[in-house]
Amino acid sequence: MMVGLANPIMKYDKTRHNIGSRYIQTLAKRYHQSFKEEKKFFGYTSLVLIKKKIIRLLIPDTYMNISGKSVFSMAAFYHITLNDILVVHDELDLFPGIIKYKNSIGHNGHNGLRNIINLFNEKKSFPRIAIGIGRPIKKKEVAYFVLSPPTRKENILINKAIEESINIIVQLIDSS
């Protein structure tokens, strides 16, 4: 299962905080798949077939700080454990366009990750892709910053990094 963390898509689709959603949408588009709303999972779902492996895609349609509700409901329904879920999210501590793959326990202050960890109630590491969005100069401007769209230059860097990262993920899935 792959999850792209986001705030409600319609209202926040183009913001920095919804970069995880953009990643998952780009992956689905590559495989000519669309999303359907599934209220029982509190989000939008799709499937992709990569080298005979079915990958369930999820974009929560909840606010970021309760996105675990969506992730947990889908995972429980399909009996997917947390360490079999790749979570894609924005990362303030990386420059725009930098992507970092991690397999860890912590949330590094990210409220979406914090909620997922709390709902699964497991002290296990799980895979994630952190997509850099940069950090505002003034710490008190973080909320405004993440809920605003990236600049044109940042978008170019982020889009390129998403494409390259998807290529790597596809190769990893292919080799497993």
N, C-alpha and C. Protein backbone atom coordinates (compact mmCIF):
# COMPACT_ATOMS: atom_id res chain seq x y z
N MET A 1 0.86 -1.17 0.00
CA MET A 1 0.00 0.00 0.00
C MET A 1 0.90 1.23 0.00
N MET A 2 0.50 2.25 -0.76
CA MET A 2 1.21 3.53 -0.77
C MET A 2 0.21 4.64 -0.46
N VAL A 3 0.62 5.55 0.41
CA VAL A 3 -0.25 6.63 0.86
C VAL A 3 0.43 7.96 0.62
N GLY A 4 -0.30 8.90 0.06
CA GLY A 4 0.21 10.26 -0.10
C GLY A 4 -0.52 11.17 0.85
N LEU A 5 0.16 11.64 1.90
CA LEU A 5 -0.51 12.46 2.90
C LEU A 5 -0.92 13.80 2.32
N ALA A 6 -2.08 14.26 2.80
CA ALA A 6 -2.66 15.48 2.26
C ALA A 6 -3.71 16.03 3.21
N ASN A 7 -4.08 17.26 2.99
CA ASN A 7 -5.29 17.84 3.57
C ASN A 7 -6.38 17.61 2.53
N PRO A 8 -7.64 17.92 2.86
CA PRO A 8 -8.70 17.67 1.87
C PRO A 8 -8.32 18.20 0.48
N ILE A 9 -8.39 17.31 -0.50
CA ILE A 9 -7.86 17.56 -1.83
C ILE A 9 -8.43 18.81 -2.50
N MET A 10 -9.72 18.97 -2.49
CA MET A 10 -10.33 20.09 -3.22
C MET A 10 -9.82 21.45 -2.72
N LYS A 11 -9.73 21.61 -1.42
CA LYS A 11 -9.36 22.90 -0.86
C LYS A 11 -7.85 23.15 -0.88
N TYR A 12 -7.05 22.10 -0.69
CA TYR A 12 -5.60 22.28 -0.49
C TYR A 12 -4.74 21.60 -1.54
N ASP A 13 -5.32 21.22 -2.66
CA ASP A 13 -4.63 20.40 -3.65
C ASP A 13 -3.27 20.94 -4.08
N LYS A 14 -3.12 22.20 -4.28
CA LYS A 14 -1.89 22.77 -4.83
C LYS A 14 -0.90 23.25 -3.76
N THR A 15 -1.13 22.92 -2.50
CA THR A 15 -0.26 23.42 -1.43
C THR A 15 0.95 22.52 -1.20
N ARG A 16 1.91 23.06 -0.49
CA ARG A 16 3.13 22.31 -0.16
C ARG A 16 2.80 21.08 0.70
N HIS A 17 1.82 21.23 1.59
CA HIS A 17 1.46 20.14 2.50
C HIS A 17 0.87 18.94 1.75
N ASN A 18 0.40 19.14 0.54
CA ASN A 18 -0.22 18.06 -0.24
C ASN A 18 0.74 17.44 -1.26
N ILE A 19 2.01 17.60 -1.06
CA ILE A 19 3.00 17.03 -1.98
C ILE A 19 2.90 15.51 -2.01
N GLY A 20 2.58 14.88 -0.88
CA GLY A 20 2.40 13.43 -0.85
C GLY A 20 1.29 12.98 -1.78
N SER A 21 0.20 13.74 -1.79
CA SER A 21 -0.92 13.46 -2.69
C SER A 21 -0.48 13.60 -4.14
N ARG A 22 0.29 14.63 -4.43
CA ARG A 22 0.76 14.84 -5.81
C ARG A 22 1.62 13.66 -6.28
N TYR A 23 2.45 13.16 -5.39
CA TYR A 23 3.30 12.00 -5.70
C TYR A 23 2.44 10.79 -6.11
N ILE A 24 1.45 10.48 -5.29
CA ILE A 24 0.59 9.32 -5.54
C ILE A 24 -0.23 9.53 -6.82
N GLN A 25 -0.70 10.74 -7.05
CA GLN A 25 -1.45 11.03 -8.29
C GLN A 25 -0.55 10.85 -9.51
N THR A 26 0.70 11.27 -9.42
CA THR A 26 1.65 11.12 -10.53
C THR A 26 1.90 9.64 -10.82
N LEU A 27 2.06 8.85 -9.77
CA LEU A 27 2.25 7.41 -9.93
C LEU A 27 1.05 6.77 -10.62
N ALA A 28 -0.14 7.09 -10.17
CA ALA A 28 -1.36 6.53 -10.77
C ALA A 28 -1.48 6.93 -12.23
N LYS A 29 -1.18 8.18 -12.52
CA LYS A 29 -1.26 8.67 -13.90
C LYS A 29 -0.31 7.91 -14.82
N ARG A 30 0.88 7.59 -14.31
CA ARG A 30 1.86 6.85 -15.09
C ARG A 30 1.30 5.49 -15.53
N TYR A 31 0.46 4.91 -14.69
CA TYR A 31 -0.14 3.61 -14.99
C TYR A 31 -1.58 3.74 -15.51
N HIS A 32 -1.95 4.95 -15.91
CA HIS A 32 -3.26 5.23 -16.51
C HIS A 32 -4.41 4.83 -15.60
N GLN A 33 -4.23 5.12 -14.32
CA GLN A 33 -5.27 4.82 -13.34
C GLN A 33 -5.85 6.11 -12.80
N SER A 34 -7.11 6.04 -12.41
CA SER A 34 -7.77 7.19 -11.80
C SER A 34 -8.17 6.81 -10.38
N PHE A 35 -8.62 7.78 -9.64
CA PHE A 35 -9.00 7.57 -8.25
C PHE A 35 -10.51 7.61 -8.11
N LYS A 36 -10.99 6.85 -7.13
CA LYS A 36 -12.41 6.94 -6.80
C LYS A 36 -12.52 7.24 -5.31
N GLU A 37 -13.53 7.99 -4.97
CA GLU A 37 -13.74 8.30 -3.57
C GLU A 37 -14.32 7.07 -2.87
N GLU A 38 -13.73 6.74 -1.74
CA GLU A 38 -14.24 5.62 -0.93
C GLU A 38 -14.45 6.14 0.48
N LYS A 39 -15.71 6.40 0.79
CA LYS A 39 -16.04 6.99 2.09
C LYS A 39 -15.62 6.11 3.26
N LYS A 40 -15.65 4.77 3.07
CA LYS A 40 -15.27 3.89 4.19
C LYS A 40 -13.78 4.01 4.53
N PHE A 41 -13.00 4.54 3.57
CA PHE A 41 -11.57 4.77 3.82
C PHE A 41 -11.25 6.25 4.00
N PHE A 42 -12.27 7.10 4.00
CA PHE A 42 -12.09 8.54 4.20
C PHE A 42 -11.08 9.12 3.23
N GLY A 43 -11.17 8.69 1.97
CA GLY A 43 -10.22 9.20 0.99
C GLY A 43 -10.47 8.68 -0.40
N TYR A 44 -9.47 8.81 -1.24
CA TYR A 44 -9.52 8.41 -2.64
C TYR A 44 -8.56 7.25 -2.84
N THR A 45 -9.01 6.23 -3.58
CA THR A 45 -8.19 5.04 -3.76
C THR A 45 -8.02 4.69 -5.24
N SER A 46 -7.00 3.93 -5.49
CA SER A 46 -6.73 3.41 -6.82
C SER A 46 -5.84 2.19 -6.65
N LEU A 47 -5.62 1.49 -7.74
CA LEU A 47 -4.73 0.34 -7.78
C LEU A 47 -3.77 0.51 -8.94
N VAL A 48 -2.54 0.09 -8.75
CA VAL A 48 -1.60 -0.01 -9.87
C VAL A 48 -1.00 -1.41 -9.83
N LEU A 49 -0.70 -1.91 -10.99
CA LEU A 49 -0.06 -3.21 -11.13
C LEU A 49 1.36 -2.95 -11.61
N ILE A 50 2.32 -3.24 -10.75
CA ILE A 50 3.73 -3.04 -11.09
C ILE A 50 4.41 -4.40 -11.05
N LYS A 51 4.80 -4.86 -12.23
CA LYS A 51 5.48 -6.16 -12.34
C LYS A 51 4.73 -7.25 -11.58
N LYS A 52 3.44 -7.37 -11.88
CA LYS A 52 2.56 -8.40 -11.31
C LYS A 52 2.30 -8.23 -9.82
N LYS A 53 2.62 -7.07 -9.28
CA LYS A 53 2.33 -6.79 -7.88
C LYS A 53 1.26 -5.70 -7.81
N ILE A 54 0.18 -6.01 -7.09
CA ILE A 54 -0.89 -5.02 -6.92
C ILE A 54 -0.52 -4.10 -5.78
N ILE A 55 -0.52 -2.82 -6.07
CA ILE A 55 -0.22 -1.80 -5.07
C ILE A 55 -1.48 -0.96 -4.88
N ARG A 56 -1.99 -0.93 -3.66
CA ARG A 56 -3.15 -0.10 -3.34
C ARG A 56 -2.66 1.32 -3.06
N LEU A 57 -3.32 2.28 -3.67
CA LEU A 57 -2.97 3.69 -3.48
C LEU A 57 -4.06 4.38 -2.68
N LEU A 58 -3.66 5.26 -1.80
CA LEU A 58 -4.61 6.00 -0.97
C LEU A 58 -4.18 7.44 -0.82
N ILE A 59 -5.14 8.34 -1.01
CA ILE A 59 -4.96 9.75 -0.68
C ILE A 59 -6.06 10.10 0.31
N PRO A 60 -5.70 10.28 1.58
CA PRO A 60 -6.72 10.64 2.57
C PRO A 60 -7.40 11.96 2.21
N ASP A 61 -8.69 12.04 2.48
CA ASP A 61 -9.43 13.28 2.28
C ASP A 61 -9.85 13.83 3.64
N THR A 62 -8.91 13.73 4.57
CA THR A 62 -9.10 14.24 5.92
C THR A 62 -8.06 15.33 6.12
N TYR A 63 -8.17 16.02 7.22
CA TYR A 63 -7.12 16.96 7.53
C TYR A 63 -5.86 16.20 7.94
N MET A 64 -4.72 16.79 7.68
CA MET A 64 -3.43 16.13 7.89
C MET A 64 -3.31 15.51 9.27
N ASN A 65 -3.72 16.24 10.31
CA ASN A 65 -3.51 15.75 11.66
C ASN A 65 -4.41 14.58 12.05
N ILE A 66 -5.35 14.18 11.17
CA ILE A 66 -6.15 12.97 11.42
C ILE A 66 -6.08 12.02 10.21
N SER A 67 -5.03 12.13 9.42
CA SER A 67 -4.91 11.28 8.23
C SER A 67 -4.74 9.81 8.59
N GLY A 68 -4.30 9.52 9.80
CA GLY A 68 -4.16 8.14 10.23
C GLY A 68 -5.48 7.39 10.22
N LYS A 69 -6.57 8.10 10.42
CA LYS A 69 -7.92 7.50 10.38
C LYS A 69 -8.16 6.84 9.03
N SER A 70 -7.78 7.51 7.97
CA SER A 70 -7.94 7.00 6.61
C SER A 70 -6.99 5.83 6.36
N VAL A 71 -5.73 6.01 6.71
CA VAL A 71 -4.71 4.99 6.48
C VAL A 71 -5.05 3.72 7.27
N PHE A 72 -5.40 3.89 8.54
CA PHE A 72 -5.70 2.73 9.39
C PHE A 72 -6.93 1.98 8.90
N SER A 73 -7.97 2.70 8.47
CA SER A 73 -9.20 2.02 8.03
C SER A 73 -8.94 1.17 6.78
N MET A 74 -8.18 1.67 5.84
CA MET A 74 -7.88 0.89 4.63
C MET A 74 -6.95 -0.28 4.95
N ALA A 75 -5.94 -0.02 5.76
CA ALA A 75 -5.00 -1.08 6.12
C ALA A 75 -5.71 -2.20 6.88
N ALA A 76 -6.58 -1.85 7.80
CA ALA A 76 -7.31 -2.87 8.57
C ALA A 76 -8.22 -3.68 7.65
N PHE A 77 -8.90 -3.01 6.73
CA PHE A 77 -9.82 -3.70 5.82
C PHE A 77 -9.09 -4.74 4.97
N TYR A 78 -7.90 -4.39 4.49
CA TYR A 78 -7.14 -5.30 3.61
C TYR A 78 -6.05 -6.09 4.36
N HIS A 79 -6.03 -5.99 5.69
CA HIS A 79 -5.05 -6.72 6.52
C HIS A 79 -3.61 -6.39 6.11
N ILE A 80 -3.33 -5.09 6.00
CA ILE A 80 -2.00 -4.62 5.64
C ILE A 80 -1.33 -4.07 6.89
N THR A 81 -0.13 -4.52 7.17
CA THR A 81 0.58 -4.04 8.36
C THR A 81 1.28 -2.72 8.05
N LEU A 82 1.59 -1.99 9.11
CA LEU A 82 2.21 -0.68 8.95
C LEU A 82 3.52 -0.76 8.18
N ASN A 83 4.33 -1.80 8.42
CA ASN A 83 5.61 -1.86 7.71
C ASN A 83 5.47 -2.26 6.24
N ASP A 84 4.24 -2.52 5.78
CA ASP A 84 3.96 -2.76 4.36
C ASP A 84 3.28 -1.55 3.70
N ILE A 85 3.32 -0.42 4.38
CA ILE A 85 2.72 0.81 3.86
C ILE A 85 3.83 1.83 3.64
N LEU A 86 3.97 2.31 2.41
CA LEU A 86 4.91 3.37 2.10
C LEU A 86 4.15 4.70 2.19
N VAL A 87 4.56 5.55 3.11
CA VAL A 87 3.89 6.84 3.33
C VAL A 87 4.74 7.94 2.69
N VAL A 88 4.11 8.74 1.84
CA VAL A 88 4.79 9.84 1.16
C VAL A 88 4.28 11.15 1.77
N HIS A 89 5.21 12.01 2.18
CA HIS A 89 4.82 13.24 2.88
C HIS A 89 5.78 14.38 2.58
N ASP A 90 5.36 15.58 2.90
CA ASP A 90 6.19 16.77 2.76
C ASP A 90 7.18 16.83 3.92
N GLU A 91 8.30 17.51 3.69
CA GLU A 91 9.34 17.61 4.72
C GLU A 91 9.95 19.01 4.73
N LEU A 92 9.74 19.72 5.83
CA LEU A 92 10.27 21.07 5.99
C LEU A 92 11.80 21.10 6.04
N ASP A 93 12.41 20.06 6.56
CA ASP A 93 13.85 20.06 6.77
C ASP A 93 14.68 19.67 5.54
N LEU A 94 14.02 19.51 4.41
CA LEU A 94 14.72 19.24 3.15
C LEU A 94 14.42 20.38 2.18
N PHE A 95 15.41 20.74 1.38
CA PHE A 95 15.19 21.77 0.36
C PHE A 95 14.20 21.26 -0.68
N PRO A 96 13.48 22.16 -1.33
CA PRO A 96 12.53 21.74 -2.37
C PRO A 96 13.23 20.90 -3.44
N GLY A 97 12.60 19.77 -3.75
CA GLY A 97 13.14 18.88 -4.78
C GLY A 97 14.04 17.78 -4.25
N ILE A 98 14.37 17.84 -2.97
CA ILE A 98 15.18 16.78 -2.37
C ILE A 98 14.23 15.73 -1.82
N ILE A 99 14.51 14.48 -2.15
CA ILE A 99 13.67 13.39 -1.65
C ILE A 99 14.55 12.44 -0.83
N LYS A 100 14.00 12.03 0.31
CA LYS A 100 14.74 11.14 1.18
C LYS A 100 13.86 9.93 1.51
N TYR A 101 14.41 8.75 1.29
CA TYR A 101 13.71 7.52 1.66
C TYR A 101 14.16 7.16 3.07
N LYS A 102 13.19 6.87 3.93
CA LYS A 102 13.50 6.50 5.31
C LYS A 102 12.69 5.27 5.69
N ASN A 103 13.22 4.53 6.63
CA ASN A 103 12.47 3.46 7.26
C ASN A 103 12.71 3.67 8.74
N SER A 104 11.76 4.34 9.40
CA SER A 104 12.01 4.70 10.80
C SER A 104 10.73 4.69 11.62
N ILE A 105 10.89 4.97 12.89
CA ILE A 105 9.79 4.95 13.85
C ILE A 105 9.19 6.35 14.05
N GLY A 106 10.02 7.36 14.09
CA GLY A 106 9.61 8.70 14.50
C GLY A 106 8.80 9.46 13.46
N HIS A 107 8.29 10.62 13.91
CA HIS A 107 7.46 11.46 13.05
C HIS A 107 8.12 12.80 12.74
N ASN A 108 9.21 13.15 13.44
CA ASN A 108 9.95 14.39 13.21
C ASN A 108 9.04 15.63 13.24
N GLY A 109 8.01 15.60 14.07
CA GLY A 109 7.11 16.74 14.19
C GLY A 109 6.01 16.81 13.15
N HIS A 110 5.95 15.86 12.23
CA HIS A 110 4.92 15.86 11.18
C HIS A 110 3.63 15.29 11.76
N ASN A 111 2.59 16.11 11.81
CA ASN A 111 1.34 15.70 12.46
C ASN A 111 0.63 14.54 11.76
N GLY A 112 0.75 14.43 10.46
CA GLY A 112 0.16 13.30 9.74
C GLY A 112 0.82 12.00 10.13
N LEU A 113 2.15 11.99 10.16
CA LEU A 113 2.89 10.80 10.58
C LEU A 113 2.59 10.47 12.04
N ARG A 114 2.54 11.50 12.88
CA ARG A 114 2.27 11.30 14.31
C ARG A 114 0.92 10.58 14.48
N ASN A 115 -0.09 11.01 13.75
CA ASN A 115 -1.41 10.41 13.87
C ASN A 115 -1.42 8.96 13.39
N ILE A 116 -0.72 8.68 12.31
CA ILE A 116 -0.62 7.30 11.81
C ILE A 116 0.04 6.41 12.87
N ILE A 117 1.15 6.86 13.41
CA ILE A 117 1.88 6.10 14.43
C ILE A 117 0.99 5.84 15.65
N ASN A 118 0.27 6.87 16.09
CA ASN A 118 -0.61 6.72 17.25
C ASN A 118 -1.74 5.73 17.00
N LEU A 119 -2.36 5.79 15.82
CA LEU A 119 -3.49 4.89 15.55
C LEU A 119 -3.06 3.44 15.37
N PHE A 120 -1.92 3.21 14.75
CA PHE A 120 -1.45 1.84 14.60
C PHE A 120 -0.91 1.31 15.93
N ASN A 121 -0.52 2.23 16.81
CA ASN A 121 -0.06 1.88 18.15
C ASN A 121 1.04 0.82 18.12
N GLU A 122 1.98 1.00 17.21
CA GLU A 122 3.10 0.08 17.08
C GLU A 122 4.41 0.86 17.17
N LYS A 123 5.37 0.29 17.80
CA LYS A 123 6.70 0.91 17.87
C LYS A 123 7.60 0.24 16.83
N LYS A 124 7.13 0.20 15.58
CA LYS A 124 7.89 -0.41 14.50
C LYS A 124 8.22 0.65 13.47
N SER A 125 9.33 0.45 12.82
CA SER A 125 9.66 1.36 11.73
C SER A 125 8.79 1.02 10.53
N PHE A 126 8.57 2.02 9.69
CA PHE A 126 7.83 1.81 8.46
C PHE A 126 8.42 2.71 7.38
N PRO A 127 8.26 2.30 6.12
CA PRO A 127 8.89 3.05 5.02
C PRO A 127 8.15 4.35 4.70
N ARG A 128 8.93 5.32 4.32
CA ARG A 128 8.34 6.60 3.90
C ARG A 128 9.25 7.32 2.94
N ILE A 129 8.64 8.18 2.18
CA ILE A 129 9.38 9.06 1.29
C ILE A 129 9.07 10.48 1.74
N ALA A 130 10.12 11.21 2.12
CA ALA A 130 9.99 12.60 2.52
C ALA A 130 10.37 13.47 1.34
N ILE A 131 9.47 14.36 0.94
CA ILE A 131 9.71 15.26 -0.19
C ILE A 131 9.95 16.66 0.36
N GLY A 132 11.11 17.20 0.07
CA GLY A 132 11.48 18.51 0.58
C GLY A 132 10.62 19.64 0.05
N ILE A 133 10.19 20.49 0.97
CA ILE A 133 9.45 21.70 0.59
C ILE A 133 10.16 22.95 1.10
N GLY A 134 11.25 22.75 1.87
CA GLY A 134 11.96 23.89 2.44
C GLY A 134 11.26 24.40 3.69
N ARG A 135 11.82 25.41 4.27
CA ARG A 135 11.30 25.96 5.53
C ARG A 135 11.24 27.48 5.41
N PRO A 136 10.19 28.09 5.96
CA PRO A 136 10.14 29.56 5.92
C PRO A 136 11.21 30.14 6.85
N ILE A 137 11.58 31.38 6.59
CA ILE A 137 12.61 32.03 7.40
C ILE A 137 12.16 32.19 8.84
N LYS A 138 10.91 32.61 9.04
CA LYS A 138 10.38 32.81 10.39
C LYS A 138 9.60 31.56 10.82
N LYS A 139 9.97 31.02 11.96
CA LYS A 139 9.37 29.79 12.47
C LYS A 139 7.85 29.93 12.63
N LYS A 140 7.37 31.12 13.02
CA LYS A 140 5.93 31.30 13.25
C LYS A 140 5.12 31.28 11.96
N GLU A 141 5.78 31.28 10.80
CA GLU A 141 5.08 31.26 9.51
C GLU A 141 4.92 29.86 8.92
N VAL A 142 5.26 28.82 9.66
CA VAL A 142 5.22 27.45 9.14
C VAL A 142 3.82 27.07 8.65
N ALA A 143 2.79 27.33 9.44
CA ALA A 143 1.42 26.94 9.05
C ALA A 143 1.02 27.60 7.73
N TYR A 144 1.26 28.89 7.60
CA TYR A 144 0.95 29.58 6.36
C TYR A 144 1.77 29.01 5.19
N PHE A 145 3.05 28.76 5.46
CA PHE A 145 3.97 28.26 4.44
C PHE A 145 3.51 26.91 3.87
N VAL A 146 3.21 25.94 4.73
CA VAL A 146 2.84 24.61 4.25
C VAL A 146 1.48 24.62 3.55
N LEU A 147 0.62 25.58 3.90
CA LEU A 147 -0.71 25.65 3.30
C LEU A 147 -0.77 26.60 2.11
N SER A 148 0.39 26.97 1.60
CA SER A 148 0.46 27.80 0.39
C SER A 148 1.15 27.02 -0.72
N PRO A 149 0.92 27.41 -1.98
CA PRO A 149 1.55 26.68 -3.10
C PRO A 149 3.04 26.96 -3.20
N PRO A 150 3.80 25.98 -3.69
CA PRO A 150 5.23 26.23 -3.94
C PRO A 150 5.40 27.27 -5.06
N THR A 151 6.56 27.90 -5.08
CA THR A 151 6.85 28.83 -6.16
C THR A 151 7.03 28.05 -7.47
N ARG A 152 7.09 28.76 -8.56
CA ARG A 152 7.28 28.10 -9.87
C ARG A 152 8.59 27.30 -9.88
N LYS A 153 9.67 27.90 -9.38
CA LYS A 153 10.98 27.24 -9.34
C LYS A 153 10.92 25.99 -8.44
N GLU A 154 10.29 26.12 -7.27
CA GLU A 154 10.15 24.97 -6.37
C GLU A 154 9.35 23.86 -7.04
N ASN A 155 8.29 24.22 -7.75
CA ASN A 155 7.46 23.23 -8.44
C ASN A 155 8.27 22.43 -9.45
N ILE A 156 9.12 23.11 -10.19
CA ILE A 156 9.95 22.42 -11.19
C ILE A 156 10.86 21.41 -10.49
N LEU A 157 11.50 21.83 -9.41
CA LEU A 157 12.39 20.93 -8.66
C LEU A 157 11.62 19.75 -8.06
N ILE A 158 10.45 20.03 -7.49
CA ILE A 158 9.64 18.99 -6.86
C ILE A 158 9.14 18.00 -7.89
N ASN A 159 8.64 18.49 -9.03
CA ASN A 159 8.13 17.58 -10.07
C ASN A 159 9.23 16.66 -10.60
N LYS A 160 10.41 17.21 -10.81
CA LYS A 160 11.53 16.40 -11.30
C LYS A 160 11.90 15.33 -10.28
N ALA A 161 11.95 15.71 -9.01
CA ALA A 161 12.28 14.76 -7.95
C ALA A 161 11.22 13.67 -7.82
N ILE A 162 9.96 14.03 -7.96
CA ILE A 162 8.88 13.03 -7.88
C ILE A 162 9.04 12.01 -9.00
N GLU A 163 9.28 12.47 -10.22
CA GLU A 163 9.45 11.56 -11.36
C GLU A 163 10.63 10.61 -11.14
N GLU A 164 11.76 11.16 -10.69
CA GLU A 164 12.94 10.33 -10.45
C GLU A 164 12.70 9.32 -9.33
N SER A 165 12.03 9.75 -8.29
CA SER A 165 11.74 8.86 -7.16
C SER A 165 10.79 7.74 -7.57
N ILE A 166 9.80 8.05 -8.38
CA ILE A 166 8.88 7.01 -8.85
C ILE A 166 9.65 5.97 -9.66
N ASN A 167 10.58 6.41 -10.49
CA ASN A 167 11.41 5.46 -11.25
C ASN A 167 12.14 4.50 -10.31
N ILE A 168 12.69 5.04 -9.23
CA ILE A 168 13.43 4.22 -8.27
C ILE A 168 12.49 3.26 -7.54
N ILE A 169 11.34 3.76 -7.12
CA ILE A 169 10.37 2.90 -6.41
C ILE A 169 9.92 1.76 -7.31
N VAL A 170 9.64 2.04 -8.56
CA VAL A 170 9.22 1.01 -9.51
C VAL A 170 10.32 -0.05 -9.64
N GLN A 171 11.57 0.39 -9.72
CA GLN A 171 12.69 -0.56 -9.80
C GLN A 171 12.79 -1.40 -8.53
N LEU A 172 12.57 -0.78 -7.38
CA LEU A 172 12.61 -1.53 -6.12
C LEU A 172 11.50 -2.57 -6.04
N ILE A 173 10.30 -2.19 -6.46
CA ILE A 173 9.17 -3.13 -6.48
C ILE A 173 9.47 -4.26 -7.45
N ASP A 174 10.04 -3.92 -8.60
CA ASP A 174 10.37 -4.90 -9.63
C ASP A 174 11.38 -5.93 -9.10
N SER A 175 12.31 -5.48 -8.27
CA SER A 175 13.37 -6.38 -7.81
C SER A 175 12.97 -7.18 -6.56
N SER A 176 11.85 -6.84 -5.95
CA SER A 176 11.46 -7.56 -4.71
C SER A 176 10.63 -8.80 -4.99
